[in-house]
Amino acid sequence: MSAPAASPEEAAAIAAAIEQFLRDTAAAPGRSGRRESPWLRAGLFAGVGLGPAGPSPWGDAEPWGSA
């Protein structure tokens, strides 16, 4: 017994349905609850020559030294 092959449109519909199912049932991303050490943060900033008033090169909105 053999099943007929799916058409390209059917295969695309099956793939889209599987992707939608995975998105719908995926766990929500959670916060880790961990914050980096202020000492580590200060060391990283000092290591790349940034001052405390400058923006973070890592894209976080928290200014240096306020942790």
Protein backbone atom coordinates (compact mmCIF):
# COMPACT_ATOMS: atom_id res chain seq x y z
CA MET A 1 0.00 0.00 0.00
CA SER A 2 1.38 3.40 -0.90
CA ALA A 3 0.02 6.90 -0.46
CA PRO A 4 0.11 9.42 -3.26
CA ALA A 5 2.69 12.18 -2.90
CA ALA A 6 1.46 15.56 -1.70
CA SER A 7 1.41 18.42 -4.19
CA PRO A 8 3.73 21.38 -3.50
CA GLU A 9 0.72 23.41 -2.35
CA GLU A 10 -0.36 20.68 0.06
CA ALA A 11 3.16 20.34 1.43
CA ALA A 12 3.36 24.11 1.97
CA ALA A 13 -0.01 24.10 3.73
CA ILE A 14 1.11 21.27 6.02
CA ALA A 15 4.37 23.08 6.84
CA ALA A 16 2.48 26.31 7.56
CA ALA A 17 0.03 24.47 9.82
CA ILE A 18 2.87 22.87 11.77
CA GLU A 19 4.64 26.24 12.18
CA GLN A 20 1.40 27.87 13.35
CA PHE A 21 0.85 25.06 15.84
CA LEU A 22 4.38 25.48 17.22
CA ARG A 23 3.88 29.25 17.60
CA ASP A 24 0.49 28.81 19.26
CA THR A 25 1.67 26.22 21.76
CA ALA A 26 5.14 27.56 22.59
CA ALA A 27 5.79 28.65 26.15
CA ALA A 28 5.94 32.38 26.70
CA PRO A 29 9.48 33.68 27.14
CA GLY A 30 10.09 34.46 30.77
CA ARG A 31 12.45 36.75 32.56
CA SER A 32 15.36 35.02 34.15
CA GLY A 33 15.11 37.12 37.30
CA ARG A 34 18.88 37.37 37.43
CA ARG A 35 20.58 40.71 37.24
CA GLU A 36 24.20 41.12 36.46
CA SER A 37 26.49 42.17 39.23
CA PRO A 38 27.13 45.92 39.44
CA TRP A 39 30.81 45.07 39.81
CA LEU A 40 30.76 43.04 36.62
CA ARG A 41 28.97 45.86 34.83
CA ALA A 42 31.51 48.41 36.07
CA GLY A 43 34.36 46.17 34.95
CA LEU A 44 32.88 45.75 31.49
CA PHE A 45 32.44 49.49 31.11
CA ALA A 46 35.94 50.22 32.37
CA GLY A 47 37.38 47.54 30.11
CA VAL A 48 36.09 49.23 26.98
CA GLY A 49 36.89 52.76 28.16
CA LEU A 50 33.35 54.03 28.73
CA GLY A 51 32.42 56.52 31.38
CA PRO A 52 29.43 56.26 33.70
CA ALA A 53 27.46 58.95 31.84
CA GLY A 54 27.69 57.27 28.44
CA PRO A 55 25.12 54.92 26.95
CA SER A 56 25.62 51.21 27.28
CA PRO A 57 27.09 49.56 24.18
CA TRP A 58 25.03 46.46 24.99
CA GLY A 59 21.71 48.13 24.26
CA ASP A 60 20.23 48.16 27.75
CA ALA A 61 18.42 51.25 28.95
CA GLU A 62 19.80 51.05 32.49
CA PRO A 63 22.50 53.66 33.03
CA TRP A 64 25.80 52.55 34.47
CA GLY A 65 26.05 52.55 38.24
CA SER A 66 22.32 52.53 38.93
CA ALA A 67 22.06 48.78 39.50
